[in-house]
Amino acid sequence: MRQIPLIDMTVHHAPRDFSDSLALGITKVLRFAADLFFAKRYGHRAIVLETVAAVPGMVGATLTHLKCLRRIQDDKGWIRTLMEEAENERMHLMTFIEVAKPTVFERFMIVSVQWVFYLFFFGLYLLSPKTAHRVVGYFEEEAIISYTLYLKEIDEGRSPNVPAPAIARHYWGLAENASLRDVVLVVRADEAHHRDVNHGFAGEIAGAAAATNITPYPWHADKLEANA
């Protein structure tokens, strides 16, 4: 099995202005709603939250692309990075669908939450890209906490450590005998990468230098779907 990058669990961007405080407030409200609705059903929580998590990258890439066309300027690699983020979060969703098998109600929740969040985030990005990227950075901080708690549930026997789905073994290059615990570890490393990238983008928009202390991605397959 390929090596999983080490991540810094202590990273937190302390709010420095109203924009940061607003982003953190939005994140805490959504975290409260997730805790209230899903409690410790982490597999089902992941399904809905990864649906939301896949939205910002696509929105950011689209609006950055259009801005660069209007201004006839280079995107500094942001578009590809954000598209890759959206794709990666979608693979998280596809993996946890195999693990948790969502109910009809949860599938309805996926559709509903996705549309509401898409419209909200699109509007937020138009108004303040810095705040939008900061929101994603804080989202990912919370995602790392959630997946760490999921690992604890698995390690303490409260959540079954089922075999990793084929789609996950292919995408992350996991061993044939890989388990759900291995999947959660690579997903958490993905989220750490997104955390650092989006906090870095928010900082760049505010005038800071490009971030250099970014958690590396785990290995990902070029072709996303497992071979039949």
Protein backbone atom coordinates (compact mmCIF):
# COMPACT_ATOMS: atom_id res chain seq x y z
CA MET A 1 0.00 0.00 0.00
CA ARG A 2 1.26 3.48 -0.85
CA GLN A 3 2.46 5.69 1.98
CA ILE A 4 -0.08 8.09 3.46
CA PRO A 5 1.32 11.61 4.03
CA LEU A 6 1.63 12.75 7.62
CA ILE A 7 -0.67 15.63 8.50
CA ASP A 8 -0.52 18.37 11.10
CA MET A 9 -3.67 18.03 13.17
CA THR A 10 -3.07 21.31 15.00
CA VAL A 11 -3.36 23.68 12.03
CA HIS A 12 -6.01 26.34 12.60
CA HIS A 13 -6.25 29.74 10.97
CA ALA A 14 -7.10 32.22 13.71
CA PRO A 15 -9.60 34.81 12.39
CA ARG A 16 -7.89 38.11 11.62
CA ASP A 17 -10.74 40.23 10.32
CA PHE A 18 -14.52 40.28 9.86
CA SER A 19 -14.30 38.13 6.73
CA ASP A 20 -12.46 35.38 8.61
CA SER A 21 -14.86 35.58 11.55
CA LEU A 22 -17.84 35.33 9.22
CA ALA A 23 -16.32 32.30 7.51
CA LEU A 24 -15.68 30.60 10.85
CA GLY A 25 -19.21 31.42 12.04
CA ILE A 26 -20.75 29.87 8.91
CA THR A 27 -18.65 26.76 9.45
CA LYS A 28 -19.62 26.40 13.11
CA VAL A 29 -23.33 26.71 12.29
CA LEU A 30 -23.08 23.99 9.64
CA ARG A 31 -21.02 21.81 11.99
CA PHE A 32 -23.72 22.16 14.66
CA ALA A 33 -26.40 21.12 12.16
CA ALA A 34 -24.34 18.09 11.08
CA ASP A 35 -23.77 17.02 14.71
CA LEU A 36 -27.46 17.45 15.48
CA PHE A 37 -28.66 15.46 12.50
CA PHE A 38 -26.04 12.70 12.17
CA ALA A 39 -24.53 12.43 15.69
CA LYS A 40 -21.93 9.63 15.39
CA ARG A 41 -23.23 8.09 12.15
CA TYR A 42 -19.98 9.12 10.46
CA GLY A 43 -20.44 7.11 7.28
CA HIS A 44 -23.81 8.72 6.58
CA ARG A 45 -22.51 12.13 7.65
CA ALA A 46 -19.68 11.76 5.15
CA ILE A 47 -22.11 11.13 2.30
CA VAL A 48 -23.99 14.40 2.76
CA LEU A 49 -20.98 16.48 3.75
CA GLU A 50 -18.86 15.26 0.82
CA THR A 51 -21.69 16.28 -1.49
CA VAL A 52 -21.30 19.79 -0.09
CA ALA A 53 -17.50 19.61 -0.11
CA ALA A 54 -17.44 18.90 -3.85
CA VAL A 55 -19.23 22.16 -4.67
CA PRO A 56 -16.67 24.90 -3.78
CA GLY A 57 -13.92 23.65 -6.07
CA MET A 58 -16.20 23.63 -9.10
CA VAL A 59 -17.69 27.04 -8.27
CA GLY A 60 -14.26 28.56 -7.63
CA ALA A 61 -12.81 27.09 -10.83
CA THR A 62 -15.75 28.32 -12.93
CA LEU A 63 -15.71 31.87 -11.62
CA THR A 64 -11.91 32.09 -11.71
CA HIS A 65 -11.96 30.88 -15.31
CA LEU A 66 -14.50 33.52 -16.29
CA LYS A 67 -12.59 36.26 -14.45
CA CYS A 68 -9.36 35.34 -16.21
CA LEU A 69 -11.13 35.42 -19.58
CA ARG A 70 -12.60 38.86 -18.87
CA ARG A 71 -9.30 40.29 -17.66
CA ILE A 72 -7.14 38.34 -20.12
CA GLN A 73 -4.83 37.19 -17.36
CA ASP A 74 -3.18 34.00 -16.11
CA ASP A 75 -4.91 31.97 -13.41
CA LYS A 76 -1.62 31.02 -11.61
CA GLY A 77 -2.73 27.39 -11.60
CA TRP A 78 -5.83 28.00 -9.50
CA ILE A 79 -8.33 26.55 -11.99
CA ARG A 80 -6.64 23.16 -12.28
CA THR A 81 -6.15 23.00 -8.51
CA LEU A 82 -9.81 23.78 -7.79
CA MET A 83 -11.07 21.34 -10.43
CA GLU A 84 -8.87 18.65 -8.92
CA GLU A 85 -10.32 19.46 -5.50
CA ALA A 86 -13.88 19.06 -6.80
CA GLU A 87 -12.97 15.75 -8.46
CA ASN A 88 -11.27 14.48 -5.32
CA GLU A 89 -14.23 15.34 -3.10
CA ARG A 90 -16.53 13.57 -5.55
CA MET A 91 -14.42 10.44 -5.17
CA HIS A 92 -14.85 10.72 -1.41
CA LEU A 93 -18.61 10.73 -1.97
CA MET A 94 -18.52 7.76 -4.33
CA THR A 95 -16.45 5.83 -1.80
CA PHE A 96 -18.71 6.47 1.19
CA ILE A 97 -21.81 5.66 -0.82
CA GLU A 98 -20.33 2.17 -1.17
CA VAL A 99 -19.64 2.04 2.57
CA ALA A 100 -22.82 3.51 4.08
CA LYS A 101 -25.49 2.69 1.46
CA PRO A 102 -27.65 5.84 1.81
CA THR A 103 -31.37 5.56 2.33
CA VAL A 104 -33.95 7.18 0.06
CA PHE A 105 -34.26 10.04 2.56
CA GLU A 106 -30.50 10.57 2.61
CA ARG A 107 -30.43 10.65 -1.19
CA PHE A 108 -33.11 13.33 -1.02
CA MET A 109 -30.94 15.18 1.48
CA ILE A 110 -27.99 14.98 -0.94
CA VAL A 111 -30.01 16.66 -3.70
CA SER A 112 -31.51 19.29 -1.41
CA VAL A 113 -28.33 20.22 0.44
CA GLN A 114 -26.34 20.36 -2.79
CA TRP A 115 -28.67 22.87 -4.44
CA VAL A 116 -28.98 25.07 -1.37
CA PHE A 117 -25.24 25.11 -0.76
CA TYR A 118 -24.40 25.62 -4.43
CA LEU A 119 -26.54 28.74 -4.65
CA PHE A 120 -25.20 30.04 -1.34
CA PHE A 121 -21.55 29.44 -2.20
CA PHE A 122 -21.88 30.82 -5.73
CA GLY A 123 -23.26 34.05 -4.30
CA LEU A 124 -20.60 34.17 -1.60
CA TYR A 125 -17.80 33.68 -4.13
CA LEU A 126 -19.16 36.48 -6.30
CA LEU A 127 -19.26 38.82 -3.29
CA SER A 128 -16.02 37.79 -1.58
CA PRO A 129 -13.71 35.07 -2.96
CA LYS A 130 -11.48 35.50 0.10
CA THR A 131 -14.32 34.68 2.47
CA ALA A 132 -15.38 31.76 0.27
CA HIS A 133 -11.93 30.17 0.33
CA ARG A 134 -11.66 30.79 4.07
CA VAL A 135 -14.99 29.00 4.54
CA VAL A 136 -13.57 25.99 2.71
CA GLY A 137 -10.39 26.11 4.79
CA TYR A 138 -12.48 26.02 7.98
CA PHE A 139 -14.73 23.31 6.51
CA GLU A 140 -11.67 21.16 6.00
CA GLU A 141 -10.44 21.79 9.53
CA GLU A 142 -13.77 20.43 10.75
CA ALA A 143 -13.61 17.53 8.29
CA ILE A 144 -10.25 16.49 9.74
CA ILE A 145 -11.80 16.49 13.23
CA SER A 146 -14.76 14.42 12.00
CA TYR A 147 -12.58 11.83 10.28
CA THR A 148 -10.34 11.62 13.35
CA LEU A 149 -13.42 10.85 15.45
CA TYR A 150 -14.48 8.30 12.83
CA LEU A 151 -11.09 6.60 13.20
CA LYS A 152 -11.63 6.48 16.96
CA GLU A 153 -15.04 4.85 16.46
CA ILE A 154 -13.44 2.23 14.22
CA ASP A 155 -10.48 1.62 16.53
CA GLU A 156 -12.73 1.21 19.56
CA GLY A 157 -15.07 -1.19 17.75
CA ARG A 158 -18.16 1.01 17.58
CA SER A 159 -18.00 1.23 13.79
CA PRO A 160 -17.20 -1.88 11.74
CA ASN A 161 -13.86 -1.83 9.95
CA VAL A 162 -15.26 -3.24 6.71
CA PRO A 163 -13.13 -3.96 3.62
CA ALA A 164 -12.29 -0.91 1.51
CA PRO A 165 -14.53 -0.60 -1.57
CA ALA A 166 -12.90 -1.43 -4.91
CA ILE A 167 -13.28 2.16 -6.09
CA ALA A 168 -11.22 3.37 -3.09
CA ARG A 169 -8.52 0.71 -3.51
CA HIS A 170 -8.11 1.76 -7.14
CA TYR A 171 -8.21 5.52 -6.63
CA TRP A 172 -5.75 5.67 -3.70
CA GLY A 173 -3.66 2.65 -4.70
CA LEU A 174 -4.60 0.75 -1.55
CA ALA A 175 -3.72 -2.90 -0.96
CA GLU A 176 -6.24 -5.60 -1.83
CA ASN A 177 -6.80 -6.27 1.88
CA ALA A 178 -7.21 -2.57 2.77
CA SER A 179 -9.95 -1.67 5.21
CA LEU A 180 -12.25 1.25 5.90
CA ARG A 181 -9.67 2.54 8.37
CA ASP A 182 -7.15 2.88 5.54
CA VAL A 183 -9.74 4.76 3.49
CA VAL A 184 -10.48 7.22 6.29
CA LEU A 185 -6.75 7.90 6.69
CA VAL A 186 -6.26 8.82 3.02
CA VAL A 187 -9.48 10.86 2.92
CA ARG A 188 -8.32 12.78 6.00
CA ALA A 189 -4.98 13.48 4.28
CA ASP A 190 -6.88 14.77 1.23
CA GLU A 191 -8.83 17.13 3.47
CA ALA A 192 -5.61 18.42 5.06
CA HIS A 193 -4.34 19.28 1.57
CA HIS A 194 -7.57 21.14 0.73
CA ARG A 195 -7.41 22.95 4.09
CA ASP A 196 -3.94 24.31 3.40
CA VAL A 197 -4.66 25.18 -0.23
CA ASN A 198 -7.82 27.14 0.52
CA HIS A 199 -6.40 29.00 3.50
CA GLY A 200 -3.47 29.81 1.22
CA PHE A 201 -5.74 31.09 -1.55
CA ALA A 202 -7.62 33.28 0.94
CA GLY A 203 -4.31 34.68 2.12
CA GLU A 204 -3.16 35.40 -1.44
CA ILE A 205 -6.37 37.28 -2.18
CA ALA A 206 -5.68 39.37 0.94
CA GLY A 207 -2.19 40.17 -0.36
CA ALA A 208 -0.06 37.55 1.36
CA ALA A 209 2.60 35.47 -0.38
CA ALA A 210 1.62 32.11 -1.84
CA ALA A 211 1.49 29.37 0.80
CA THR A 212 4.40 26.95 0.88
CA ASN A 213 3.55 24.71 3.86
CA ILE A 214 0.87 22.67 2.08
CA THR A 215 0.21 19.07 3.12
CA PRO A 216 0.98 16.82 0.13
CA TYR A 217 -1.79 14.87 -1.53
CA PRO A 218 -1.89 11.10 -1.14
CA TRP A 219 -1.31 9.23 -4.40
CA HIS A 220 -4.35 9.25 -6.71
CA ALA A 221 -5.05 7.18 -9.82
CA ASP A 222 -5.18 9.03 -13.15
CA LYS A 223 -8.34 7.15 -14.18
CA LEU A 224 -10.94 7.58 -11.51
CA GLU A 225 -13.11 4.51 -11.87
CA ALA A 226 -11.96 1.08 -10.83
CA ASN A 227 -11.49 -1.45 -13.60
CA ALA A 228 -14.42 -3.77 -13.99
